[in-house]
Amino acid sequence: AAAVWREEFGDEKAALVFGILRDKDAAA
């Protein structure tokens, strides 16, 4: 996802709306 963001928008930064399930590796 980050790689495609850079393909599409270059160095432009996103406001990241981030949520995850607790059985995932949230930090990674």
PDB file of all heavy atoms in Angstrom:
ATOM      1  N   ALA A   1       0.833  -1.212   0.000  1.00  0.00           N
ATOM      2  CA  ALA A   1       0.000   0.000   0.000  1.00  0.00           C
ATOM      3  C   ALA A   1       0.866   1.259   0.000  1.00  0.00           C
ATOM      4  O   ALA A   1       0.607   2.220  -0.731  1.00  0.00           O
ATOM      5  CB  ALA A   1      -0.932   0.001   1.213  1.00  0.00           C
ATOM      6  N   ALA A   2       1.922   1.261   0.818  1.00  0.00           N
ATOM      7  CA  ALA A   2       2.821   2.416   0.865  1.00  0.00           C
ATOM      8  C   ALA A   2       3.553   2.589  -0.464  1.00  0.00           C
ATOM      9  O   ALA A   2       3.743   3.719  -0.938  1.00  0.00           O
ATOM     10  CB  ALA A   2       3.818   2.249   2.004  1.00  0.00           C
ATOM     11  N   ALA A   3       3.946   1.467  -1.075  1.00  0.00           N
ATOM     12  CA  ALA A   3       4.652   1.536  -2.364  1.00  0.00           C
ATOM     13  C   ALA A   3       3.745   2.109  -3.451  1.00  0.00           C
ATOM     14  O   ALA A   3       4.176   2.951  -4.257  1.00  0.00           O
ATOM     15  CB  ALA A   3       5.152   0.146  -2.755  1.00  0.00           C
ATOM     16  N   VAL A   4       2.479   1.673  -3.475  1.00  0.00           N
ATOM     17  CA  VAL A   4       1.555   2.181  -4.486  1.00  0.00           C
ATOM     18  C   VAL A   4       1.257   3.659  -4.231  1.00  0.00           C
ATOM     19  O   VAL A   4       1.126   4.450  -5.176  1.00  0.00           O
ATOM     20  CB  VAL A   4       0.249   1.350  -4.515  1.00  0.00           C
ATOM     21  CG1 VAL A   4      -0.697   1.888  -5.593  1.00  0.00           C
ATOM     22  CG2 VAL A   4       0.547  -0.117  -4.797  1.00  0.00           C
ATOM     23  N   TRP A   5       1.166   4.039  -2.949  1.00  0.00           N
ATOM     24  CA  TRP A   5       0.968   5.463  -2.629  1.00  0.00           C
ATOM     25  C   TRP A   5       2.077   6.299  -3.264  1.00  0.00           C
ATOM     26  O   TRP A   5       1.818   7.326  -3.888  1.00  0.00           O
ATOM     27  CB  TRP A   5       0.949   5.670  -1.115  1.00  0.00           C
ATOM     28  CG  TRP A   5       0.700   7.098  -0.730  1.00  0.00           C
ATOM     29  CD1 TRP A   5       1.647   8.099  -0.606  1.00  0.00           C
ATOM     30  CD2 TRP A   5      -0.558   7.719  -0.468  1.00  0.00           C
ATOM     31  NE1 TRP A   5       1.045   9.286  -0.271  1.00  0.00           N
ATOM     32  CE2 TRP A   5      -0.303   9.084  -0.177  1.00  0.00           C
ATOM     33  CE3 TRP A   5      -1.875   7.246  -0.435  1.00  0.00           C
ATOM     34  CZ2 TRP A   5      -1.321   9.979   0.136  1.00  0.00           C
ATOM     35  CZ3 TRP A   5      -2.893   8.141  -0.119  1.00  0.00           C
ATOM     36  CH2 TRP A   5      -2.608   9.485   0.158  1.00  0.00           C
ATOM     37  N   ARG A   6       3.324   5.852  -3.117  1.00  0.00           N
ATOM     38  CA  ARG A   6       4.448   6.598  -3.688  1.00  0.00           C
ATOM     39  C   ARG A   6       4.416   6.583  -5.219  1.00  0.00           C
ATOM     40  O   ARG A   6       4.771   7.574  -5.864  1.00  0.00           O
ATOM     41  CB  ARG A   6       5.773   6.038  -3.161  1.00  0.00           C
ATOM     42  CG  ARG A   6       6.039   6.415  -1.696  1.00  0.00           C
ATOM     43  CD  ARG A   6       7.441   6.069  -1.269  1.00  0.00           C
ATOM     44  NE  ARG A   6       7.650   4.627  -1.214  1.00  0.00           N
ATOM     45  CZ  ARG A   6       7.506   3.895  -0.113  1.00  0.00           C
ATOM     46  NH1 ARG A   6       7.170   4.472   1.016  1.00  0.00           N
ATOM     47  NH2 ARG A   6       7.715   2.597  -0.143  1.00  0.00           N
ATOM     48  N   GLU A   7       3.966   5.449  -5.809  1.00  0.00           N
ATOM     49  CA  GLU A   7       3.807   5.393  -7.266  1.00  0.00           C
ATOM     50  C   GLU A   7       2.804   6.442  -7.746  1.00  0.00           C
ATOM     51  O   GLU A   7       3.002   7.092  -8.772  1.00  0.00           O
ATOM     52  CB  GLU A   7       3.308   4.002  -7.705  1.00  0.00           C
ATOM     53  CG  GLU A   7       4.324   2.883  -7.608  1.00  0.00           C
ATOM     54  CD  GLU A   7       3.665   1.528  -7.897  1.00  0.00           C
ATOM     55  OE1 GLU A   7       2.651   1.498  -8.627  1.00  0.00           O
ATOM     56  OE2 GLU A   7       4.166   0.507  -7.388  1.00  0.00           O
ATOM     57  N   GLU A   8       1.728   6.590  -6.989  1.00  0.00           N
ATOM     58  CA  GLU A   8       0.635   7.480  -7.397  1.00  0.00           C
ATOM     59  C   GLU A   8       0.890   8.940  -7.030  1.00  0.00           C
ATOM     60  O   GLU A   8       0.568   9.849  -7.795  1.00  0.00           O
ATOM     61  CB  GLU A   8      -0.678   7.018  -6.744  1.00  0.00           C
ATOM     62  CG  GLU A   8      -1.132   5.621  -7.156  1.00  0.00           C
ATOM     63  CD  GLU A   8      -1.825   5.593  -8.495  1.00  0.00           C
ATOM     64  OE1 GLU A   8      -2.595   6.517  -8.780  1.00  0.00           O
ATOM     65  OE2 GLU A   8      -1.587   4.638  -9.261  1.00  0.00           O
ATOM     66  N   PHE A   9       1.458   9.180  -5.825  1.00  0.00           N
ATOM     67  CA  PHE A   9       1.504  10.543  -5.291  1.00  0.00           C
ATOM     68  C   PHE A   9       2.912  11.043  -4.953  1.00  0.00           C
ATOM     69  O   PHE A   9       3.052  12.128  -4.376  1.00  0.00           O
ATOM     70  CB  PHE A   9       0.621  10.640  -4.036  1.00  0.00           C
ATOM     71  CG  PHE A   9      -0.795  10.177  -4.246  1.00  0.00           C
ATOM     72  CD1 PHE A   9      -1.326   9.152  -3.486  1.00  0.00           C
ATOM     73  CD2 PHE A   9      -1.593  10.764  -5.222  1.00  0.00           C
ATOM     74  CE1 PHE A   9      -2.629   8.721  -3.674  1.00  0.00           C
ATOM     75  CE2 PHE A   9      -2.902  10.341  -5.417  1.00  0.00           C
ATOM     76  CZ  PHE A   9      -3.426   9.311  -4.653  1.00  0.00           C
ATOM     77  N   GLY A  10       3.932  10.267  -5.283  1.00  0.00           N
ATOM     78  CA  GLY A  10       5.294  10.709  -5.017  1.00  0.00           C
ATOM     79  C   GLY A  10       5.568  10.875  -3.532  1.00  0.00           C
ATOM     80  O   GLY A  10       5.255   9.997  -2.728  1.00  0.00           O
ATOM     81  N   ASP A  11       6.117  12.034  -3.159  1.00  0.00           N
ATOM     82  CA  ASP A  11       6.490  12.278  -1.757  1.00  0.00           C
ATOM     83  C   ASP A  11       5.367  12.906  -0.933  1.00  0.00           C
ATOM     84  O   ASP A  11       5.568  13.233   0.247  1.00  0.00           O
ATOM     85  CB  ASP A  11       7.720  13.198  -1.707  1.00  0.00           C
ATOM     86  CG  ASP A  11       8.964  12.526  -2.279  1.00  0.00           C
ATOM     87  OD1 ASP A  11       9.046  11.288  -2.192  1.00  0.00           O
ATOM     88  OD2 ASP A  11       9.827  13.238  -2.818  1.00  0.00           O
ATOM     89  N   GLU A  12       4.199  13.084  -1.543  1.00  0.00           N
ATOM     90  CA  GLU A  12       3.084  13.691  -0.809  1.00  0.00           C
ATOM     91  C   GLU A  12       2.665  12.792   0.359  1.00  0.00           C
ATOM     92  O   GLU A  12       2.522  11.576   0.205  1.00  0.00           O
ATOM     93  CB  GLU A  12       1.897  13.889  -1.758  1.00  0.00           C
ATOM     94  CG  GLU A  12       0.733  14.628  -1.125  1.00  0.00           C
ATOM     95  CD  GLU A  12      -0.396  14.886  -2.114  1.00  0.00           C
ATOM     96  OE1 GLU A  12      -0.170  14.741  -3.334  1.00  0.00           O
ATOM     97  OE2 GLU A  12      -1.493  15.232  -1.666  1.00  0.00           O
ATOM     98  N   LYS A  13       2.489  13.401   1.517  1.00  0.00           N
ATOM     99  CA  LYS A  13       2.127  12.641   2.716  1.00  0.00           C
ATOM    100  C   LYS A  13       0.607  12.520   2.855  1.00  0.00           C
ATOM    101  O   LYS A  13      -0.148  13.394   2.426  1.00  0.00           O
ATOM    102  CB  LYS A  13       2.704  13.300   3.969  1.00  0.00           C
ATOM    103  CG  LYS A  13       4.224  13.271   4.035  1.00  0.00           C
ATOM    104  CD  LYS A  13       4.749  11.848   4.144  1.00  0.00           C
ATOM    105  CE  LYS A  13       6.258  11.834   4.349  1.00  0.00           C
ATOM    106  NZ  LYS A  13       6.794  10.462   4.441  1.00  0.00           N
ATOM    107  N   ALA A  14       0.185  11.430   3.500  1.00  0.00           N
ATOM    108  CA  ALA A  14      -1.230  11.169   3.717  1.00  0.00           C
ATOM    109  C   ALA A  14      -1.629  11.488   5.152  1.00  0.00           C
ATOM    110  O   ALA A  14      -0.816  11.375   6.072  1.00  0.00           O
ATOM    111  CB  ALA A  14      -1.536   9.696   3.445  1.00  0.00           C
ATOM    112  N   ALA A  15      -2.893  11.853   5.327  1.00  0.00           N
ATOM    113  CA  ALA A  15      -3.505  11.752   6.641  1.00  0.00           C
ATOM    114  C   ALA A  15      -3.983  10.304   6.729  1.00  0.00           C
ATOM    115  O   ALA A  15      -4.891   9.887   6.011  1.00  0.00           O
ATOM    116  CB  ALA A  15      -4.665  12.719   6.774  1.00  0.00           C
ATOM    117  N   LEU A  16      -3.307   9.521   7.556  1.00  0.00           N
ATOM    118  CA  LEU A  16      -3.571   8.087   7.642  1.00  0.00           C
ATOM    119  C   LEU A  16      -4.659   7.807   8.671  1.00  0.00           C
ATOM    120  O   LEU A  16      -4.485   8.072   9.863  1.00  0.00           O
ATOM    121  CB  LEU A  16      -2.286   7.346   8.030  1.00  0.00           C
ATOM    122  CG  LEU A  16      -2.415   5.850   8.327  1.00  0.00           C
ATOM    123  CD1 LEU A  16      -2.843   5.076   7.087  1.00  0.00           C
ATOM    124  CD2 LEU A  16      -1.102   5.297   8.885  1.00  0.00           C
ATOM    125  N   VAL A  17      -5.799   7.295   8.207  1.00  0.00           N
ATOM    126  CA  VAL A  17      -6.846   6.815   9.113  1.00  0.00           C
ATOM    127  C   VAL A  17      -6.544   5.345   9.340  1.00  0.00           C
ATOM    128  O   VAL A  17      -6.679   4.511   8.443  1.00  0.00           O
ATOM    129  CB  VAL A  17      -8.250   7.016   8.503  1.00  0.00           C
ATOM    130  CG1 VAL A  17      -9.317   6.422   9.424  1.00  0.00           C
ATOM    131  CG2 VAL A  17      -8.513   8.500   8.270  1.00  0.00           C
ATOM    132  N   PHE A  18      -6.114   5.015  10.560  1.00  0.00           N
ATOM    133  CA  PHE A  18      -5.526   3.702  10.831  1.00  0.00           C
ATOM    134  C   PHE A  18      -6.284   2.981  11.936  1.00  0.00           C
ATOM    135  O   PHE A  18      -6.528   3.521  13.010  1.00  0.00           O
ATOM    136  CB  PHE A  18      -4.060   3.885  11.228  1.00  0.00           C
ATOM    137  CG  PHE A  18      -3.328   2.600  11.534  1.00  0.00           C
ATOM    138  CD1 PHE A  18      -3.284   1.563  10.623  1.00  0.00           C
ATOM    139  CD2 PHE A  18      -2.665   2.449  12.747  1.00  0.00           C
ATOM    140  CE1 PHE A  18      -2.598   0.389  10.908  1.00  0.00           C
ATOM    141  CE2 PHE A  18      -1.973   1.287  13.042  1.00  0.00           C
ATOM    142  CZ  PHE A  18      -1.942   0.252  12.117  1.00  0.00           C
ATOM    143  N   GLY A  19      -6.663   1.739  11.645  1.00  0.00           N
ATOM    144  CA  GLY A  19      -7.270   0.865  12.642  1.00  0.00           C
ATOM    145  C   GLY A  19      -6.899  -0.558  12.321  1.00  0.00           C
ATOM    146  O   GLY A  19      -6.616  -0.891  11.159  1.00  0.00           O
ATOM    147  N   ILE A  20      -6.884  -1.422  13.319  1.00  0.00           N
ATOM    148  CA  ILE A  20      -6.411  -2.787  13.093  1.00  0.00           C
ATOM    149  C   ILE A  20      -7.045  -3.718  14.123  1.00  0.00           C
ATOM    150  O   ILE A  20      -7.530  -3.277  15.170  1.00  0.00           O
ATOM    151  CB  ILE A  20      -4.865  -2.831  13.184  1.00  0.00           C
ATOM    152  CG1 ILE A  20      -4.305  -4.090  12.521  1.00  0.00           C
ATOM    153  CG2 ILE A  20      -4.379  -2.665  14.621  1.00  0.00           C
ATOM    154  CD1 ILE A  20      -2.816  -4.019  12.246  1.00  0.00           C
ATOM    155  N   LEU A  21      -7.058  -5.012  13.818  1.00  0.00           N
ATOM    156  CA  LEU A  21      -7.559  -6.008  14.765  1.00  0.00           C
ATOM    157  C   LEU A  21      -6.429  -6.419  15.703  1.00  0.00           C
ATOM    158  O   LEU A  21      -5.254  -6.418  15.338  1.00  0.00           O
ATOM    159  CB  LEU A  21      -8.105  -7.224  14.015  1.00  0.00           C
ATOM    160  CG  LEU A  21      -9.229  -6.948  13.010  1.00  0.00           C
ATOM    161  CD1 LEU A  21      -9.776  -8.262  12.458  1.00  0.00           C
ATOM    162  CD2 LEU A  21     -10.354  -6.129  13.629  1.00  0.00           C
ATOM    163  N   ARG A  22      -6.808  -6.824  16.915  1.00  0.00           N
ATOM    164  CA  ARG A  22      -5.790  -7.062  17.936  1.00  0.00           C
ATOM    165  C   ARG A  22      -4.987  -8.341  17.703  1.00  0.00           C
ATOM    166  O   ARG A  22      -3.944  -8.548  18.338  1.00  0.00           O
ATOM    167  CB  ARG A  22      -6.388  -7.040  19.340  1.00  0.00           C
ATOM    168  CG  ARG A  22      -7.430  -8.074  19.638  1.00  0.00           C
ATOM    169  CD  ARG A  22      -7.852  -8.010  21.109  1.00  0.00           C
ATOM    170  NE  ARG A  22      -8.355  -6.699  21.512  1.00  0.00           N
ATOM    171  CZ  ARG A  22      -7.673  -5.833  22.253  1.00  0.00           C
ATOM    172  NH1 ARG A  22      -6.441  -6.108  22.647  1.00  0.00           N
ATOM    173  NH2 ARG A  22      -8.206  -4.674  22.590  1.00  0.00           N
ATOM    174  N   ASP A  23      -5.447  -9.216  16.804  1.00  0.00           N
ATOM    175  CA  ASP A  23      -4.653 -10.424  16.537  1.00  0.00           C
ATOM    176  C   ASP A  23      -3.657 -10.213  15.400  1.00  0.00           C
ATOM    177  O   ASP A  23      -3.027 -11.154  14.934  1.00  0.00           O
ATOM    178  CB  ASP A  23      -5.563 -11.621  16.242  1.00  0.00           C
ATOM    179  CG  ASP A  23      -6.502 -11.389  15.070  1.00  0.00           C
ATOM    180  OD1 ASP A  23      -6.508 -10.279  14.521  1.00  0.00           O
ATOM    181  OD2 ASP A  23      -7.228 -12.334  14.705  1.00  0.00           O
ATOM    182  N   LYS A  24      -3.509  -8.970  14.938  1.00  0.00           N
ATOM    183  CA  LYS A  24      -2.538  -8.632  13.897  1.00  0.00           C
ATOM    184  C   LYS A  24      -1.286  -8.013  14.522  1.00  0.00           C
ATOM    185  O   LYS A  24      -1.299  -7.565  15.673  1.00  0.00           O
ATOM    186  CB  LYS A  24      -3.150  -7.654  12.892  1.00  0.00           C
ATOM    187  CG  LYS A  24      -4.398  -8.165  12.181  1.00  0.00           C
ATOM    188  CD  LYS A  24      -4.102  -9.363  11.301  1.00  0.00           C
ATOM    189  CE  LYS A  24      -5.347  -9.850  10.572  1.00  0.00           C
ATOM    190  NZ  LYS A  24      -5.057 -11.033   9.728  1.00  0.00           N
ATOM    191  N   ASP A  25      -0.209  -7.967  13.750  1.00  0.00           N
ATOM    192  CA  ASP A  25       1.032  -7.352  14.204  1.00  0.00           C
ATOM    193  C   ASP A  25       0.940  -5.850  13.946  1.00  0.00           C
ATOM    194  O   ASP A  25       1.430  -5.329  12.939  1.00  0.00           O
ATOM    195  CB  ASP A  25       2.221  -7.969  13.450  1.00  0.00           C
ATOM    196  CG  ASP A  25       3.564  -7.543  14.021  1.00  0.00           C
ATOM    197  OD1 ASP A  25       3.607  -6.531  14.757  1.00  0.00           O
ATOM    198  OD2 ASP A  25       4.564  -8.207  13.722  1.00  0.00           O
ATOM    199  N   ALA A  26       0.294  -5.156  14.870  1.00  0.00           N
ATOM    200  CA  ALA A  26      -0.032  -3.743  14.668  1.00  0.00           C
ATOM    201  C   ALA A  26       1.213  -2.892  14.445  1.00  0.00           C
ATOM    202  O   ALA A  26       1.231  -2.015  13.575  1.00  0.00           O
ATOM    203  CB  ALA A  26      -0.826  -3.217  15.867  1.00  0.00           C
ATOM    204  N   ALA A  27       2.263  -3.136  15.205  1.00  0.00           N
ATOM    205  CA  ALA A  27       3.472  -2.320  15.085  1.00  0.00           C
ATOM    206  C   ALA A  27       4.118  -2.503  13.721  1.00  0.00           C
ATOM    207  O   ALA A  27       4.546  -1.529  13.082  1.00  0.00           O
ATOM    208  CB  ALA A  27       4.456  -2.676  16.194  1.00  0.00           C
ATOM    209  N   ALA A  28       4.175  -3.743  13.238  1.00  0.00           N
ATOM    210  CA  ALA A  28       4.800  -4.012  11.940  1.00  0.00           C
ATOM    211  C   ALA A  28       3.977  -3.422  10.799  1.00  0.00           C
ATOM    212  O   ALA A  28       4.530  -2.873   9.842  1.00  0.00           O
ATOM    213  CB  ALA A  28       4.978  -5.518  11.746  1.00  0.00           C
TER     214      ALA A  28
END
